Amino acid sequence: MLLKNTIAKLQYTNCIVDANEDRRACGGCFKVPARAPGTYLMQWRWELNPGEFYTSCADVKIAKPKK
């Protein structure tokens, strides 16, 4: 289950103010905890308007640190 591995909860911030509210680019940063190299599934969810939830996901590759 994806919920048991929550690594960040970000507020809906850092948005482009002048953009259309439904197409507004927003973002945030978080640090990924130490993980073994490999490909992981990252899922994120957001509430655009009250009661209107969206979910998306992507594969993320974590490489061995360079020395």
N, C-alpha and C. Protein backbone atom coordinates (compact mmCIF):
# COMPACT_ATOMS: atom_id res chain seq x y z
N MET A 1 0.84 -1.18 0.00
CA MET A 1 0.00 0.00 0.00
C MET A 1 0.88 1.24 0.00
N LEU A 2 0.57 2.18 -0.85
CA LEU A 2 1.41 3.37 -1.00
C LEU A 2 1.36 4.30 0.21
N LEU A 3 0.27 4.35 0.92
CA LEU A 3 0.13 5.30 2.03
C LEU A 3 1.09 5.03 3.17
N LYS A 4 1.52 3.80 3.37
CA LYS A 4 2.38 3.50 4.51
C LYS A 4 3.77 4.09 4.35
N ASN A 5 4.13 4.55 3.18
CA ASN A 5 5.45 5.10 2.93
C ASN A 5 5.43 6.59 2.60
N THR A 6 4.56 7.34 3.22
CA THR A 6 4.50 8.78 2.98
C THR A 6 5.82 9.42 3.36
N ILE A 7 6.42 10.18 2.44
CA ILE A 7 7.68 10.84 2.75
C ILE A 7 7.56 12.35 2.80
N ALA A 8 6.44 12.90 2.36
CA ALA A 8 6.29 14.36 2.41
C ALA A 8 4.82 14.73 2.32
N LYS A 9 4.47 15.79 3.00
CA LYS A 9 3.15 16.41 2.87
C LYS A 9 3.41 17.89 2.61
N LEU A 10 3.09 18.33 1.42
CA LEU A 10 3.36 19.70 1.02
C LEU A 10 2.07 20.50 0.93
N GLN A 11 2.15 21.76 1.29
CA GLN A 11 1.01 22.66 1.11
C GLN A 11 0.93 23.07 -0.35
N TYR A 12 -0.24 23.45 -0.80
CA TYR A 12 -0.46 23.92 -2.17
C TYR A 12 0.07 25.34 -2.24
N THR A 13 1.37 25.47 -2.51
CA THR A 13 2.01 26.78 -2.46
C THR A 13 2.94 26.97 -3.64
N ASN A 14 3.62 28.11 -3.63
CA ASN A 14 4.57 28.46 -4.69
C ASN A 14 3.92 28.45 -6.06
N CYS A 15 2.71 28.97 -6.14
CA CYS A 15 1.96 28.95 -7.39
C CYS A 15 2.20 30.22 -8.19
N ILE A 16 2.09 30.09 -9.50
CA ILE A 16 2.15 31.26 -10.37
C ILE A 16 0.84 32.03 -10.18
N VAL A 17 0.92 33.23 -9.70
CA VAL A 17 -0.27 33.99 -9.29
C VAL A 17 -1.16 34.38 -10.47
N ASP A 18 -0.59 34.76 -11.59
CA ASP A 18 -1.39 35.28 -12.69
C ASP A 18 -2.03 34.20 -13.57
N ALA A 19 -1.71 32.96 -13.36
CA ALA A 19 -2.21 31.89 -14.21
C ALA A 19 -3.66 31.54 -13.89
N ASN A 20 -4.33 30.93 -14.86
CA ASN A 20 -5.68 30.41 -14.65
C ASN A 20 -5.64 29.46 -13.46
N GLU A 21 -6.58 29.59 -12.54
CA GLU A 21 -6.56 28.81 -11.30
C GLU A 21 -6.53 27.30 -11.55
N ASP A 22 -7.21 26.82 -12.59
CA ASP A 22 -7.25 25.39 -12.86
C ASP A 22 -6.00 24.88 -13.60
N ARG A 23 -5.16 25.78 -14.09
CA ARG A 23 -3.94 25.39 -14.80
C ARG A 23 -2.70 25.94 -14.13
N ARG A 24 -2.85 26.42 -12.94
CA ARG A 24 -1.77 27.07 -12.20
C ARG A 24 -0.66 26.09 -11.87
N ALA A 25 0.55 26.45 -12.23
CA ALA A 25 1.71 25.61 -11.89
C ALA A 25 2.11 25.89 -10.44
N CYS A 26 2.21 24.84 -9.66
CA CYS A 26 2.62 24.95 -8.27
C CYS A 26 3.69 23.90 -8.00
N GLY A 27 4.43 24.09 -6.94
CA GLY A 27 5.46 23.10 -6.65
C GLY A 27 5.97 23.20 -5.23
N GLY A 28 6.80 22.27 -4.90
CA GLY A 28 7.43 22.24 -3.59
C GLY A 28 8.58 21.25 -3.64
N CYS A 29 9.42 21.30 -2.65
CA CYS A 29 10.58 20.42 -2.60
C CYS A 29 10.54 19.58 -1.33
N PHE A 30 11.12 18.40 -1.41
CA PHE A 30 11.27 17.54 -0.25
C PHE A 30 12.49 16.67 -0.46
N LYS A 31 13.05 16.18 0.61
CA LYS A 31 14.23 15.33 0.56
C LYS A 31 13.77 13.87 0.60
N VAL A 32 14.28 13.08 -0.33
CA VAL A 32 13.96 11.66 -0.36
C VAL A 32 14.85 10.94 0.66
N PRO A 33 14.25 10.16 1.54
CA PRO A 33 15.06 9.41 2.50
C PRO A 33 16.01 8.44 1.80
N ALA A 34 17.04 8.03 2.47
CA ALA A 34 18.00 7.08 1.88
C ALA A 34 17.27 5.82 1.43
N ARG A 35 17.57 5.40 0.24
CA ARG A 35 16.95 4.21 -0.34
C ARG A 35 18.02 3.44 -1.11
N ALA A 36 17.82 2.16 -1.27
CA ALA A 36 18.69 1.36 -2.12
C ALA A 36 18.48 1.80 -3.57
N PRO A 37 19.52 1.77 -4.40
CA PRO A 37 19.35 2.11 -5.81
C PRO A 37 18.28 1.21 -6.44
N GLY A 38 17.51 1.79 -7.33
CA GLY A 38 16.48 1.04 -8.02
C GLY A 38 15.41 1.96 -8.56
N THR A 39 14.37 1.38 -9.10
CA THR A 39 13.24 2.14 -9.63
C THR A 39 12.08 2.02 -8.65
N TYR A 40 11.52 3.16 -8.28
CA TYR A 40 10.45 3.22 -7.30
C TYR A 40 9.24 3.92 -7.91
N LEU A 41 8.09 3.63 -7.39
CA LEU A 41 6.86 4.30 -7.81
C LEU A 41 6.59 5.45 -6.85
N MET A 42 6.41 6.63 -7.41
CA MET A 42 6.07 7.80 -6.59
C MET A 42 4.64 8.20 -6.95
N GLN A 43 3.82 8.38 -5.96
CA GLN A 43 2.44 8.78 -6.16
C GLN A 43 2.20 10.08 -5.41
N TRP A 44 1.45 10.98 -6.01
CA TRP A 44 1.08 12.20 -5.31
C TRP A 44 -0.39 12.47 -5.53
N ARG A 45 -0.97 13.10 -4.53
CA ARG A 45 -2.40 13.45 -4.58
C ARG A 45 -2.56 14.89 -4.17
N TRP A 46 -3.57 15.52 -4.71
CA TRP A 46 -3.85 16.90 -4.33
C TRP A 46 -5.33 17.18 -4.43
N GLU A 47 -5.74 18.19 -3.70
CA GLU A 47 -7.13 18.64 -3.72
C GLU A 47 -7.12 20.01 -4.39
N LEU A 48 -7.66 20.08 -5.60
CA LEU A 48 -7.65 21.33 -6.35
C LEU A 48 -8.70 22.30 -5.82
N ASN A 49 -9.90 21.84 -5.67
CA ASN A 49 -11.00 22.62 -5.09
C ASN A 49 -11.55 21.78 -3.95
N PRO A 50 -12.26 22.38 -3.01
CA PRO A 50 -12.79 21.59 -1.90
C PRO A 50 -13.57 20.36 -2.39
N GLY A 51 -13.13 19.18 -1.94
CA GLY A 51 -13.79 17.94 -2.31
C GLY A 51 -13.44 17.40 -3.68
N GLU A 52 -12.49 18.05 -4.40
CA GLU A 52 -12.11 17.64 -5.75
C GLU A 52 -10.66 17.13 -5.71
N PHE A 53 -10.49 15.80 -5.64
CA PHE A 53 -9.18 15.20 -5.46
C PHE A 53 -8.65 14.61 -6.75
N TYR A 54 -7.32 14.67 -6.92
CA TYR A 54 -6.64 14.13 -8.09
C TYR A 54 -5.45 13.30 -7.62
N THR A 55 -5.08 12.31 -8.42
CA THR A 55 -3.94 11.46 -8.12
C THR A 55 -3.14 11.24 -9.39
N SER A 56 -1.83 11.20 -9.25
CA SER A 56 -0.97 10.89 -10.38
C SER A 56 0.23 10.10 -9.84
N CYS A 57 1.01 9.52 -10.74
CA CYS A 57 2.17 8.75 -10.30
C CYS A 57 3.23 8.74 -11.40
N ALA A 58 4.43 8.33 -11.01
CA ALA A 58 5.54 8.22 -11.96
C ALA A 58 6.58 7.27 -11.38
N ASP A 59 7.33 6.63 -12.26
CA ASP A 59 8.48 5.85 -11.84
C ASP A 59 9.64 6.80 -11.61
N VAL A 60 10.39 6.58 -10.53
CA VAL A 60 11.54 7.40 -10.19
C VAL A 60 12.73 6.48 -10.02
N LYS A 61 13.82 6.79 -10.69
CA LYS A 61 15.03 5.96 -10.58
C LYS A 61 15.99 6.60 -9.60
N ILE A 62 16.41 5.83 -8.60
CA ILE A 62 17.40 6.30 -7.64
C ILE A 62 18.70 5.57 -7.96
N ALA A 63 19.72 6.35 -8.27
CA ALA A 63 21.00 5.79 -8.68
C ALA A 63 21.94 5.68 -7.48
N LYS A 64 22.94 4.85 -7.62
CA LYS A 64 23.98 4.73 -6.61
C LYS A 64 24.72 6.05 -6.52
N PRO A 65 24.98 6.58 -5.31
CA PRO A 65 25.68 7.86 -5.18
C PRO A 65 27.07 7.81 -5.81
N LYS A 66 27.45 8.91 -6.46
CA LYS A 66 28.79 9.01 -7.05
C LYS A 66 29.79 9.28 -5.93
N LYS A 67 30.95 8.70 -6.05
CA LYS A 67 32.00 8.91 -5.04
C LYS A 67 33.03 9.88 -5.52
